[in-house]
Amino acid sequence: MKKDKRYFNRRKNYKRNMENTENKFNSEEEVLNDDLAQDASQETLENEATAESVEETPEAAELEIDEVEKLKEDLAKEKKEYLFLMAEFDNFRKRTLKEKSEIIRNAGENVLKGLLPIVDDFERGLKASENAENAGDVREGMSLIYNKLIKYLAQNGVKEFDDSDDTFDAEKHEAISVVPVPDESKKGKILDTVEKGYMINDKVLRHAKVVVGQ
């Protein structure tokens, strides 16, 4: 009787274990089925998205082609405008150089043209001096022409260095000779001017050639 009871309990435990195993298997099967179903659903969505993208590809390609064509047109337009500006700038540069050269040439012509009346005076003076008996008259005529020339130079910004300033200045003077002097106050001073110096506006036009004391 005791043996039968142990047998019955063992069989009962075995049955319970089988039921638990079956329930566990069923649960795992359900989980697996859910995973398979979810994967299938995800794959379906991806296939639908792929199909939609395939359907939209021709329109996207056409849109991209339109954008490329527009960019090409904009580039061609900007290139044309750039070449036009370069041509305009080159014309402006040539025109400016031409005008500048004409101004310089005309300025030189105007200066020389202004000297011609003085040349005429010299010629008349030389012709008159051929029959002149009085040297004073010739000298007076030459002085008038000389003063006229100096006045003309001053009108064009040319003037002599200041004679009252006897201090040697290397920026304005050229020492052609140096003479020893016993007087300390004469050292570094201009003793004689061999050739006058001239300024044009505020610039040295010609350096004066001088003799300097040492």
N, C-alpha and C. Protein backbone atom coordinates (compact mmCIF):
# COMPACT_ATOMS: atom_id res chain seq x y z
N MET A 1 0.84 -1.20 0.00
CA MET A 1 0.00 0.00 0.00
C MET A 1 0.88 1.24 0.00
N LYS A 2 1.91 1.22 0.76
CA LYS A 2 2.83 2.35 0.80
C LYS A 2 3.55 2.49 -0.53
N LYS A 3 3.84 1.39 -1.14
CA LYS A 3 4.53 1.41 -2.44
C LYS A 3 3.65 2.02 -3.50
N ASP A 4 2.37 1.67 -3.42
CA ASP A 4 1.43 2.24 -4.41
C ASP A 4 1.31 3.74 -4.24
N LYS A 5 1.37 4.22 -3.04
CA LYS A 5 1.24 5.64 -2.79
C LYS A 5 2.45 6.40 -3.35
N ARG A 6 3.65 5.82 -3.18
CA ARG A 6 4.84 6.48 -3.73
C ARG A 6 4.78 6.50 -5.25
N TYR A 7 4.26 5.43 -5.79
CA TYR A 7 4.13 5.37 -7.25
C TYR A 7 3.18 6.44 -7.74
N PHE A 8 2.06 6.56 -6.98
CA PHE A 8 1.06 7.56 -7.36
C PHE A 8 1.63 8.97 -7.28
N ASN A 9 2.39 9.27 -6.25
CA ASN A 9 2.99 10.60 -6.09
C ASN A 9 4.02 10.89 -7.18
N ARG A 10 4.79 9.83 -7.50
CA ARG A 10 5.80 10.03 -8.56
C ARG A 10 5.14 10.32 -9.89
N ARG A 11 4.06 9.60 -10.13
CA ARG A 11 3.35 9.80 -11.39
C ARG A 11 2.72 11.19 -11.42
N LYS A 12 2.23 11.62 -10.26
CA LYS A 12 1.62 12.95 -10.18
C LYS A 12 2.66 14.04 -10.44
N ASN A 13 3.85 13.88 -9.86
CA ASN A 13 4.93 14.86 -10.08
C ASN A 13 5.37 14.88 -11.54
N TYR A 14 5.42 13.68 -12.12
CA TYR A 14 5.82 13.59 -13.52
C TYR A 14 4.84 14.31 -14.41
N LYS A 15 3.53 14.12 -14.12
CA LYS A 15 2.49 14.77 -14.91
C LYS A 15 2.57 16.29 -14.77
N ARG A 16 2.82 16.71 -13.48
CA ARG A 16 2.94 18.16 -13.26
C ARG A 16 4.12 18.75 -14.02
N ASN A 17 5.26 18.03 -14.02
CA ASN A 17 6.45 18.50 -14.76
C ASN A 17 6.18 18.56 -16.25
N MET A 18 5.44 17.58 -16.74
CA MET A 18 5.12 17.58 -18.17
C MET A 18 4.23 18.77 -18.52
N GLU A 19 3.28 19.06 -17.63
CA GLU A 19 2.40 20.22 -17.88
C GLU A 19 3.20 21.53 -17.87
N ASN A 20 4.12 21.62 -16.90
CA ASN A 20 4.94 22.85 -16.83
C ASN A 20 5.81 23.01 -18.07
N THR A 21 6.38 21.86 -18.48
CA THR A 21 7.22 21.90 -19.69
C THR A 21 6.41 22.31 -20.90
N GLU A 22 5.19 21.74 -20.99
CA GLU A 22 4.32 22.06 -22.13
C GLU A 22 3.93 23.53 -22.11
N ASN A 23 3.62 24.07 -20.90
CA ASN A 23 3.25 25.48 -20.79
C ASN A 23 4.42 26.40 -21.17
N LYS A 24 5.59 25.98 -20.72
CA LYS A 24 6.79 26.77 -21.06
C LYS A 24 7.05 26.76 -22.55
N PHE A 25 6.87 25.58 -23.14
CA PHE A 25 7.07 25.47 -24.58
C PHE A 25 6.07 26.34 -25.34
N ASN A 26 4.83 26.30 -24.85
CA ASN A 26 3.78 27.10 -25.50
C ASN A 26 4.09 28.60 -25.39
N SER A 27 4.59 28.97 -24.21
CA SER A 27 4.92 30.39 -24.01
C SER A 27 6.05 30.83 -24.94
N GLU A 28 7.07 29.97 -24.98
CA GLU A 28 8.18 30.30 -25.88
C GLU A 28 7.73 30.32 -27.33
N GLU A 29 6.82 29.42 -27.69
CA GLU A 29 6.31 29.39 -29.06
C GLU A 29 5.53 30.66 -29.38
N GLU A 30 4.75 31.11 -28.38
CA GLU A 30 3.99 32.35 -28.58
C GLU A 30 4.92 33.54 -28.77
N VAL A 31 5.98 33.58 -27.92
CA VAL A 31 6.96 34.67 -28.07
C VAL A 31 7.61 34.62 -29.44
N LEU A 32 7.98 33.42 -29.85
CA LEU A 32 8.62 33.26 -31.17
C LEU A 32 7.67 33.68 -32.27
N ASN A 33 6.41 33.28 -32.13
CA ASN A 33 5.43 33.67 -33.16
C ASN A 33 5.24 35.18 -33.19
N ASP A 34 5.25 35.78 -31.98
CA ASP A 34 5.12 37.26 -31.94
C ASP A 34 6.30 37.92 -32.62
N ASP A 35 7.52 37.42 -32.34
CA ASP A 35 8.72 37.98 -32.98
C ASP A 35 8.66 37.83 -34.48
N LEU A 36 8.22 36.63 -34.92
CA LEU A 36 8.12 36.40 -36.37
C LEU A 36 7.09 37.34 -36.99
N ALA A 37 6.00 37.52 -36.29
CA ALA A 37 4.97 38.41 -36.80
C ALA A 37 5.46 39.85 -36.87
N GLN A 38 6.20 40.27 -35.84
CA GLN A 38 6.73 41.64 -35.81
C GLN A 38 7.75 41.84 -36.93
N ASP A 39 8.63 40.83 -37.13
CA ASP A 39 9.61 40.92 -38.22
C ASP A 39 8.92 41.00 -39.57
N ALA A 40 7.86 40.18 -39.71
CA ALA A 40 7.12 40.20 -40.98
C ALA A 40 6.48 41.55 -41.21
N SER A 41 5.93 42.13 -40.13
CA SER A 41 5.30 43.45 -40.25
C SER A 41 6.34 44.51 -40.62
N GLN A 42 7.52 44.44 -39.96
CA GLN A 42 8.59 45.39 -40.27
C GLN A 42 9.06 45.26 -41.71
N GLU A 43 9.19 44.02 -42.16
CA GLU A 43 9.62 43.78 -43.55
C GLU A 43 8.59 44.31 -44.52
N THR A 44 7.30 44.13 -44.16
CA THR A 44 6.23 44.65 -45.02
C THR A 44 6.30 46.17 -45.14
N LEU A 45 6.54 46.84 -43.98
CA LEU A 45 6.65 48.30 -44.00
C LEU A 45 7.85 48.75 -44.85
N GLU A 46 8.97 48.03 -44.68
CA GLU A 46 10.15 48.39 -45.47
C GLU A 46 9.90 48.18 -46.95
N ASN A 47 9.22 47.11 -47.30
CA ASN A 47 8.91 46.85 -48.71
C ASN A 47 8.00 47.93 -49.27
N GLU A 48 7.00 48.33 -48.44
CA GLU A 48 6.11 49.40 -48.89
C GLU A 48 6.86 50.71 -49.09
N ALA A 49 7.79 51.01 -48.12
CA ALA A 49 8.58 52.24 -48.25
C ALA A 49 9.46 52.19 -49.48
N THR A 50 10.04 51.00 -49.73
CA THR A 50 10.89 50.85 -50.91
C THR A 50 10.08 51.03 -52.18
N ALA A 51 8.88 50.46 -52.14
CA ALA A 51 8.01 50.60 -53.31
C ALA A 51 7.65 52.05 -53.55
N GLU A 52 7.34 52.78 -52.45
CA GLU A 52 7.01 54.20 -52.60
C GLU A 52 8.19 54.99 -53.14
N SER A 53 9.41 54.66 -52.61
CA SER A 53 10.59 55.38 -53.10
C SER A 53 10.86 55.07 -54.55
N VAL A 54 10.57 53.82 -54.95
CA VAL A 54 10.75 53.46 -56.36
C VAL A 54 9.76 54.22 -57.22
N GLU A 55 8.54 54.37 -56.69
CA GLU A 55 7.54 55.11 -57.46
C GLU A 55 7.92 56.59 -57.57
N GLU A 56 8.60 57.17 -56.51
CA GLU A 56 8.92 58.58 -56.52
C GLU A 56 10.24 58.88 -57.24
N THR A 57 11.01 57.92 -57.59
CA THR A 57 12.33 58.11 -58.20
C THR A 57 12.27 58.92 -59.50
N PRO A 58 11.40 58.64 -60.43
CA PRO A 58 11.36 59.45 -61.67
C PRO A 58 11.11 60.92 -61.41
N GLU A 59 10.18 61.24 -60.48
CA GLU A 59 9.91 62.64 -60.18
C GLU A 59 11.11 63.31 -59.53
N ALA A 60 11.76 62.57 -58.59
CA ALA A 60 12.95 63.14 -57.94
C ALA A 60 14.06 63.37 -58.95
N ALA A 61 14.21 62.41 -59.87
CA ALA A 61 15.25 62.56 -60.89
C ALA A 61 14.96 63.75 -61.79
N GLU A 62 13.69 63.93 -62.14
CA GLU A 62 13.32 65.07 -62.99
C GLU A 62 13.56 66.38 -62.27
N LEU A 63 13.23 66.41 -60.97
CA LEU A 63 13.46 67.62 -60.17
C LEU A 63 14.95 67.93 -60.08
N GLU A 64 15.76 66.89 -59.89
CA GLU A 64 17.21 67.10 -59.80
C GLU A 64 17.77 67.62 -61.12
N ILE A 65 17.27 67.12 -62.23
CA ILE A 65 17.72 67.58 -63.55
C ILE A 65 17.36 69.05 -63.75
N ASP A 66 16.16 69.44 -63.30
CA ASP A 66 15.74 70.84 -63.42
C ASP A 66 16.66 71.75 -62.61
N GLU A 67 17.03 71.30 -61.40
CA GLU A 67 17.91 72.10 -60.56
C GLU A 67 19.29 72.24 -61.20
N VAL A 68 19.80 71.17 -61.78
CA VAL A 68 21.11 71.21 -62.45
C VAL A 68 21.07 72.18 -63.63
N GLU A 69 20.00 72.12 -64.40
CA GLU A 69 19.87 73.01 -65.55
C GLU A 69 19.81 74.47 -65.10
N LYS A 70 19.08 74.72 -64.00
CA LYS A 70 18.99 76.08 -63.47
C LYS A 70 20.35 76.59 -63.01
N LEU A 71 21.11 75.71 -62.34
CA LEU A 71 22.45 76.09 -61.89
C LEU A 71 23.35 76.39 -63.08
N LYS A 72 23.24 75.61 -64.14
CA LYS A 72 24.04 75.85 -65.35
C LYS A 72 23.69 77.20 -65.96
N GLU A 73 22.39 77.51 -66.01
CA GLU A 73 21.97 78.79 -66.56
C GLU A 73 22.49 79.96 -65.71
N ASP A 74 22.41 79.81 -64.38
CA ASP A 74 22.92 80.87 -63.50
C ASP A 74 24.43 81.05 -63.67
N LEU A 75 25.14 79.94 -63.80
CA LEU A 75 26.59 80.01 -63.99
C LEU A 75 26.94 80.70 -65.30
N ALA A 76 26.22 80.33 -66.37
CA ALA A 76 26.48 80.95 -67.67
C ALA A 76 26.19 82.45 -67.63
N LYS A 77 25.11 82.83 -66.91
CA LYS A 77 24.76 84.25 -66.79
C LYS A 77 25.83 85.02 -66.03
N GLU A 78 26.29 84.46 -64.90
CA GLU A 78 27.32 85.13 -64.11
C GLU A 78 28.64 85.21 -64.88
N LYS A 79 28.97 84.18 -65.64
CA LYS A 79 30.19 84.20 -66.44
C LYS A 79 30.11 85.29 -67.50
N LYS A 80 28.95 85.43 -68.12
CA LYS A 80 28.76 86.47 -69.14
C LYS A 80 28.91 87.85 -68.53
N GLU A 81 28.30 88.06 -67.33
CA GLU A 81 28.42 89.35 -66.66
C GLU A 81 29.86 89.64 -66.25
N TYR A 82 30.58 88.60 -65.81
CA TYR A 82 31.99 88.77 -65.43
C TYR A 82 32.84 89.19 -66.62
N LEU A 83 32.63 88.52 -67.76
CA LEU A 83 33.38 88.88 -68.97
C LEU A 83 33.05 90.30 -69.42
N PHE A 84 31.79 90.69 -69.28
CA PHE A 84 31.38 92.05 -69.64
C PHE A 84 32.08 93.08 -68.75
N LEU A 85 32.12 92.81 -67.44
CA LEU A 85 32.79 93.72 -66.51
C LEU A 85 34.29 93.79 -66.80
N MET A 86 34.90 92.66 -67.12
CA MET A 86 36.33 92.66 -67.44
C MET A 86 36.60 93.50 -68.69
N ALA A 87 35.73 93.39 -69.69
CA ALA A 87 35.89 94.19 -70.91
C ALA A 87 35.73 95.68 -70.60
N GLU A 88 34.73 96.00 -69.77
CA GLU A 88 34.51 97.40 -69.40
C GLU A 88 35.72 97.96 -68.63
N PHE A 89 36.26 97.16 -67.72
CA PHE A 89 37.42 97.60 -66.95
C PHE A 89 38.63 97.80 -67.85
N ASP A 90 38.82 96.91 -68.82
CA ASP A 90 39.96 97.04 -69.74
C ASP A 90 39.80 98.31 -70.58
N ASN A 91 38.60 98.58 -71.04
CA ASN A 91 38.36 99.81 -71.80
C ASN A 91 38.60 101.05 -70.94
N PHE A 92 38.14 100.99 -69.68
CA PHE A 92 38.36 102.11 -68.77
C PHE A 92 39.86 102.35 -68.53
N ARG A 93 40.61 101.26 -68.35
CA ARG A 93 42.05 101.38 -68.13
C ARG A 93 42.74 102.00 -69.34
N LYS A 94 42.40 101.53 -70.53
CA LYS A 94 43.01 102.08 -71.75
C LYS A 94 42.64 103.55 -71.93
N ARG A 95 41.37 103.87 -71.66
CA ARG A 95 40.92 105.25 -71.80
C ARG A 95 41.63 106.17 -70.80
N THR A 96 41.81 105.68 -69.57
CA THR A 96 42.49 106.48 -68.54
C THR A 96 43.95 106.72 -68.90
N LEU A 97 44.62 105.67 -69.39
CA LEU A 97 46.02 105.83 -69.79
C LEU A 97 46.15 106.81 -70.95
N LYS A 98 45.21 106.74 -71.88
CA LYS A 98 45.24 107.65 -73.02
C LYS A 98 45.03 109.09 -72.57
N GLU A 99 44.04 109.29 -71.68
CA GLU A 99 43.77 110.64 -71.18
C GLU A 99 44.96 111.18 -70.39
N LYS A 100 45.59 110.31 -69.60
CA LYS A 100 46.75 110.73 -68.81
C LYS A 100 47.90 111.14 -69.71
N SER A 101 48.16 110.34 -70.74
CA SER A 101 49.25 110.68 -71.66
C SER A 101 48.96 111.97 -72.41
N GLU A 102 47.67 112.17 -72.75
CA GLU A 102 47.29 113.41 -73.44
C GLU A 102 47.46 114.62 -72.53
N ILE A 103 47.12 114.45 -71.24
CA ILE A 103 47.28 115.56 -70.29
C ILE A 103 48.75 115.93 -70.16
N ILE A 104 49.61 114.90 -70.02
CA ILE A 104 51.04 115.17 -69.89
C ILE A 104 51.58 115.83 -71.15
N ARG A 105 51.18 115.30 -72.31
CA ARG A 105 51.68 115.88 -73.57
C ARG A 105 51.17 117.30 -73.76
N ASN A 106 49.88 117.51 -73.46
CA ASN A 106 49.33 118.84 -73.63
C ASN A 106 49.93 119.83 -72.64
N ALA A 107 50.20 119.34 -71.41
CA ALA A 107 50.83 120.23 -70.43
C ALA A 107 52.21 120.67 -70.91
N GLY A 108 52.97 119.71 -71.46
CA GLY A 108 54.27 120.06 -72.01
C GLY A 108 54.15 121.01 -73.18
N GLU A 109 53.13 120.79 -74.01
CA GLU A 109 52.92 121.67 -75.16
C GLU A 109 52.58 123.08 -74.71
N ASN A 110 51.75 123.18 -73.66
CA ASN A 110 51.36 124.51 -73.17
C ASN A 110 52.55 125.27 -72.60
N VAL A 111 53.44 124.53 -71.87
CA VAL A 111 54.63 125.19 -71.31
C VAL A 111 55.54 125.69 -72.43
N LEU A 112 55.76 124.84 -73.40
CA LEU A 112 56.63 125.24 -74.52
C LEU A 112 56.00 126.36 -75.34
N LYS A 113 54.68 126.27 -75.49
CA LYS A 113 54.00 127.33 -76.25
C LYS A 113 54.15 128.69 -75.55
N GLY A 114 54.12 128.66 -74.20
CA GLY A 114 54.30 129.90 -73.46
C GLY A 114 55.70 130.49 -73.59
N LEU A 115 56.70 129.66 -73.92
CA LEU A 115 58.07 130.15 -74.09
C LEU A 115 58.30 130.80 -75.45
N LEU A 116 57.45 130.50 -76.40
CA LEU A 116 57.67 131.01 -77.76
C LEU A 116 57.66 132.54 -77.83
N PRO A 117 56.75 133.25 -77.14
CA PRO A 117 56.82 134.72 -77.19
C PRO A 117 58.14 135.26 -76.64
N ILE A 118 58.72 134.57 -75.66
CA ILE A 118 60.01 135.02 -75.11
C ILE A 118 61.11 134.78 -76.13
N VAL A 119 61.02 133.67 -76.85
CA VAL A 119 61.99 133.42 -77.93
C VAL A 119 61.87 134.51 -78.99
N ASP A 120 60.63 134.90 -79.30
CA ASP A 120 60.43 135.98 -80.28
C ASP A 120 61.10 137.27 -79.80
N ASP A 121 60.98 137.56 -78.49
CA ASP A 121 61.61 138.76 -77.96
C ASP A 121 63.12 138.68 -78.08
N PHE A 122 63.68 137.51 -77.82
CA PHE A 122 65.12 137.35 -77.96
C PHE A 122 65.56 137.58 -79.41
N GLU A 123 64.81 137.04 -80.33
CA GLU A 123 65.18 137.22 -81.73
C GLU A 123 65.11 138.69 -82.14
N ARG A 124 64.05 139.38 -81.70
CA ARG A 124 63.95 140.81 -82.01
C ARG A 124 65.09 141.59 -81.33
N GLY A 125 65.43 141.20 -80.09
CA GLY A 125 66.52 141.88 -79.40
C GLY A 125 67.85 141.67 -80.09
N LEU A 126 68.11 140.42 -80.53
CA LEU A 126 69.36 140.14 -81.23
C LEU A 126 69.44 140.91 -82.55
N LYS A 127 68.30 140.99 -83.24
CA LYS A 127 68.28 141.71 -84.51
C LYS A 127 68.50 143.21 -84.30
N ALA A 128 67.90 143.74 -83.22
CA ALA A 128 68.06 145.17 -82.93
C ALA A 128 69.48 145.48 -82.48
N SER A 129 70.13 144.50 -81.78
CA SER A 129 71.48 144.76 -81.27
C SER A 129 72.52 144.82 -82.37
N GLU A 130 72.19 144.36 -83.58
CA GLU A 130 73.15 144.37 -84.67
C GLU A 130 73.50 145.81 -85.07
N ASN A 131 72.49 146.67 -85.00
CA ASN A 131 72.71 148.07 -85.40
C ASN A 131 72.75 149.02 -84.21
N ALA A 132 72.76 148.44 -82.99
CA ALA A 132 72.76 149.30 -81.80
C ALA A 132 74.15 149.84 -81.54
N GLU A 133 74.22 151.13 -81.24
CA GLU A 133 75.50 151.77 -80.93
C GLU A 133 75.70 151.91 -79.43
N ASN A 134 74.59 151.83 -78.68
CA ASN A 134 74.66 152.00 -77.24
C ASN A 134 74.45 150.64 -76.57
N ALA A 135 75.47 150.14 -75.85
CA ALA A 135 75.37 148.85 -75.17
C ALA A 135 74.33 148.88 -74.06
N GLY A 136 74.08 150.06 -73.51
CA GLY A 136 73.08 150.16 -72.44
C GLY A 136 71.69 149.83 -72.93
N ASP A 137 71.39 150.24 -74.17
CA ASP A 137 70.07 149.91 -74.73
C ASP A 137 69.91 148.41 -74.91
N VAL A 138 70.99 147.78 -75.38
CA VAL A 138 70.94 146.31 -75.56
C VAL A 138 70.74 145.62 -74.22
N ARG A 139 71.46 146.08 -73.22
CA ARG A 139 71.35 145.49 -71.89
C ARG A 139 69.93 145.68 -71.32
N GLU A 140 69.38 146.84 -71.55
CA GLU A 140 68.03 147.10 -71.06
C GLU A 140 67.02 146.18 -71.73
N GLY A 141 67.18 145.97 -73.03
CA GLY A 141 66.27 145.06 -73.75
C GLY A 141 66.41 143.63 -73.25
N MET A 142 67.66 143.19 -73.00
CA MET A 142 67.89 141.84 -72.49
C MET A 142 67.29 141.68 -71.09
N SER A 143 67.38 142.74 -70.27
CA SER A 143 66.80 142.68 -68.92
C SER A 143 65.29 142.53 -68.98
N LEU A 144 64.66 143.24 -69.93
CA LEU A 144 63.21 143.12 -70.07
C LEU A 144 62.81 141.69 -70.44
N ILE A 145 63.56 141.10 -71.37
CA ILE A 145 63.26 139.72 -71.79
C ILE A 145 63.50 138.75 -70.63
N TYR A 146 64.59 138.98 -69.88
CA TYR A 146 64.91 138.12 -68.76
C TYR A 146 63.80 138.17 -67.69
N ASN A 147 63.36 139.35 -67.36
CA ASN A 147 62.30 139.51 -66.36
C ASN A 147 60.99 138.86 -66.82
N LYS A 148 60.74 138.94 -68.11
CA LYS A 148 59.55 138.31 -68.67
C LYS A 148 59.62 136.79 -68.52
N LEU A 149 60.83 136.26 -68.75
CA LEU A 149 61.02 134.81 -68.61
C LEU A 149 60.87 134.37 -67.15
N ILE A 150 61.45 135.11 -66.23
CA ILE A 150 61.34 134.78 -64.81
C ILE A 150 59.89 134.82 -64.35
N LYS A 151 59.17 135.81 -64.84
CA LYS A 151 57.75 135.92 -64.48
C LYS A 151 56.96 134.73 -65.02
N TYR A 152 57.28 134.33 -66.22
CA TYR A 152 56.58 133.18 -66.82
C TYR A 152 56.86 131.90 -66.02
N LEU A 153 58.13 131.72 -65.62
CA LEU A 153 58.47 130.55 -64.82
C LEU A 153 57.74 130.55 -63.48
N ALA A 154 57.64 131.72 -62.85
CA ALA A 154 56.94 131.82 -61.57
C ALA A 154 55.46 131.48 -61.72
N GLN A 155 54.86 131.87 -62.84
CA GLN A 155 53.47 131.54 -63.09
C GLN A 155 53.24 130.03 -63.21
N ASN A 156 54.29 129.31 -63.57
CA ASN A 156 54.21 127.85 -63.69
C ASN A 156 54.82 127.13 -62.48
N GLY A 157 55.01 127.86 -61.38
CA GLY A 157 55.47 127.24 -60.14
C GLY A 157 56.96 127.10 -60.00
N VAL A 158 57.73 127.67 -60.91
CA VAL A 158 59.20 127.55 -60.87
C VAL A 158 59.79 128.82 -60.26
N LYS A 159 60.64 128.66 -59.27
CA LYS A 159 61.28 129.82 -58.64
C LYS A 159 62.68 129.44 -58.16
N GLU A 160 63.53 130.46 -57.98
CA GLU A 160 64.89 130.23 -57.52
C GLU A 160 64.92 129.93 -56.03
N PHE A 161 66.04 129.32 -55.59
CA PHE A 161 66.25 129.15 -54.15
C PHE A 161 66.43 130.52 -53.50
N ASP A 162 66.13 130.58 -52.23
CA ASP A 162 66.27 131.82 -51.47
C ASP A 162 67.75 132.18 -51.33
N ASP A 163 68.14 133.33 -51.89
CA ASP A 163 69.56 133.74 -51.84
C ASP A 163 70.02 134.08 -50.42
N SER A 164 69.08 134.48 -49.56
CA SER A 164 69.47 134.89 -48.22
C SER A 164 69.87 133.70 -47.34
N ASP A 165 69.48 132.49 -47.73
CA ASP A 165 69.81 131.30 -46.95
C ASP A 165 71.14 130.75 -47.47
N ASP A 166 72.23 130.98 -46.72
CA ASP A 166 73.55 130.55 -47.17
C ASP A 166 74.02 129.26 -46.48
N THR A 167 73.11 128.56 -45.81
CA THR A 167 73.46 127.30 -45.15
C THR A 167 73.38 126.15 -46.16
N PHE A 168 74.45 125.33 -46.19
CA PHE A 168 74.48 124.22 -47.14
C PHE A 168 73.44 123.16 -46.74
N ASP A 169 72.64 122.75 -47.73
CA ASP A 169 71.62 121.72 -47.53
C ASP A 169 71.78 120.69 -48.65
N ALA A 170 72.15 119.47 -48.25
CA ALA A 170 72.40 118.42 -49.25
C ALA A 170 71.17 118.09 -50.08
N GLU A 171 69.96 118.38 -49.53
CA GLU A 171 68.73 118.13 -50.27
C GLU A 171 68.54 119.13 -51.41
N LYS A 172 69.17 120.29 -51.32
CA LYS A 172 68.97 121.35 -52.30
C LYS A 172 70.24 121.73 -53.05
N HIS A 173 71.41 121.51 -52.42
CA HIS A 173 72.67 121.98 -53.00
C HIS A 173 73.59 120.82 -53.37
N GLU A 174 74.42 121.11 -54.34
CA GLU A 174 75.47 120.17 -54.76
C GLU A 174 76.81 120.88 -54.62
N ALA A 175 77.65 120.39 -53.70
CA ALA A 175 78.94 121.04 -53.44
C ALA A 175 79.94 120.58 -54.50
N ILE A 176 80.33 121.51 -55.38
CA ILE A 176 81.32 121.17 -56.41
C ILE A 176 82.75 121.48 -55.95
N SER A 177 82.83 122.20 -54.84
CA SER A 177 84.16 122.54 -54.30
C SER A 177 84.03 122.88 -52.82
N VAL A 178 85.11 122.55 -52.07
CA VAL A 178 85.17 122.86 -50.63
C VAL A 178 86.42 123.68 -50.39
N VAL A 179 86.25 124.83 -49.76
CA VAL A 179 87.37 125.76 -49.55
C VAL A 179 87.61 125.93 -48.06
N PRO A 180 88.85 125.74 -47.59
CA PRO A 180 89.14 125.99 -46.17
C PRO A 180 88.97 127.47 -45.84
N VAL A 181 88.38 127.75 -44.70
CA VAL A 181 88.16 129.14 -44.27
C VAL A 181 88.67 129.30 -42.84
N PRO A 182 89.31 130.42 -42.56
CA PRO A 182 89.80 130.64 -41.19
C PRO A 182 88.70 131.02 -40.22
N ASP A 183 87.65 131.59 -40.73
CA ASP A 183 86.54 132.05 -39.89
C ASP A 183 85.60 130.87 -39.60
N GLU A 184 85.41 130.54 -38.32
CA GLU A 184 84.56 129.42 -37.93
C GLU A 184 83.11 129.63 -38.37
N SER A 185 82.70 130.88 -38.43
CA SER A 185 81.31 131.16 -38.81
C SER A 185 81.04 130.86 -40.28
N LYS A 186 82.09 130.73 -41.10
CA LYS A 186 81.92 130.47 -42.52
C LYS A 186 81.92 128.98 -42.85
N LYS A 187 82.28 128.15 -41.87
CA LYS A 187 82.32 126.71 -42.13
C LYS A 187 80.89 126.16 -42.30
N GLY A 188 80.71 125.36 -43.35
CA GLY A 188 79.39 124.82 -43.66
C GLY A 188 78.48 125.81 -44.34
N LYS A 189 79.03 126.97 -44.69
CA LYS A 189 78.24 128.01 -45.36
C LYS A 189 78.57 128.04 -46.85
N ILE A 190 77.63 128.53 -47.63
CA ILE A 190 77.83 128.66 -49.08
C ILE A 190 78.62 129.94 -49.34
N LEU A 191 79.79 129.78 -49.97
CA LEU A 191 80.63 130.93 -50.29
C LEU A 191 80.32 131.50 -51.66
N ASP A 192 79.93 130.64 -52.59
CA ASP A 192 79.65 131.11 -53.96
C ASP A 192 78.69 130.13 -54.63
N THR A 193 77.82 130.67 -55.48
CA THR A 193 76.87 129.85 -56.25
C THR A 193 77.29 129.87 -57.71
N VAL A 194 77.74 128.73 -58.18
CA VAL A 194 78.18 128.61 -59.58
C VAL A 194 76.99 128.48 -60.52
N GLU A 195 75.98 127.75 -60.08
CA GLU A 195 74.78 127.55 -60.91
C GLU A 195 73.56 127.56 -60.00
N LYS A 196 72.59 128.39 -60.30
CA LYS A 196 71.42 128.55 -59.45
C LYS A 196 70.58 127.27 -59.40
N GLY A 197 69.91 127.10 -58.26
CA GLY A 197 68.97 126.00 -58.12
C GLY A 197 67.54 126.50 -58.19
N TYR A 198 66.64 125.63 -58.63
CA TYR A 198 65.25 126.02 -58.81
C TYR A 198 64.31 124.98 -58.18
N MET A 199 63.19 125.49 -57.69
CA MET A 199 62.12 124.66 -57.15
C MET A 199 60.92 124.73 -58.08
N ILE A 200 60.19 123.63 -58.19
CA ILE A 200 58.90 123.66 -58.86
C ILE A 200 57.86 123.26 -57.82
N ASN A 201 57.04 124.22 -57.46
CA ASN A 201 56.14 124.08 -56.33
C ASN A 201 56.96 123.79 -55.07
N ASP A 202 56.85 122.60 -54.46
CA ASP A 202 57.63 122.29 -53.27
C ASP A 202 58.69 121.22 -53.54
N LYS A 203 59.03 121.02 -54.80
CA LYS A 203 59.98 119.98 -55.17
C LYS A 203 61.19 120.61 -55.84
N VAL A 204 62.37 120.02 -55.59
CA VAL A 204 63.60 120.53 -56.21
C VAL A 204 63.59 120.18 -57.69
N LEU A 205 63.64 121.19 -58.51
CA LEU A 205 63.69 120.98 -59.97
C LEU A 205 65.13 120.81 -60.44
N ARG A 206 66.03 121.61 -59.86
CA ARG A 206 67.46 121.49 -60.17
C ARG A 206 68.26 121.89 -58.95
N HIS A 207 69.26 121.06 -58.57
CA HIS A 207 70.11 121.38 -57.44
C HIS A 207 71.07 122.52 -57.79
N ALA A 208 71.30 123.34 -56.80
CA ALA A 208 72.25 124.45 -57.02
C ALA A 208 73.69 123.94 -56.84
N LYS A 209 74.57 124.38 -57.72
CA LYS A 209 75.99 124.02 -57.62
C LYS A 209 76.72 125.13 -56.89
N VAL A 210 77.31 124.76 -55.75
CA VAL A 210 77.86 125.79 -54.85
C VAL A 210 79.26 125.43 -54.39
N VAL A 211 79.92 126.45 -53.85
CA VAL A 211 81.21 126.30 -53.19
C VAL A 211 80.98 126.47 -51.69
N VAL A 212 81.48 125.52 -50.91
CA VAL A 212 81.19 125.48 -49.47
C VAL A 212 82.46 125.68 -48.68
N GLY A 213 82.36 126.43 -47.59
CA GLY A 213 83.51 126.65 -46.70
C GLY A 213 83.69 125.48 -45.75
N GLN A 214 85.00 125.20 -45.45
CA GLN A 214 85.33 124.08 -44.55
C GLN A 214 86.30 124.51 -43.47
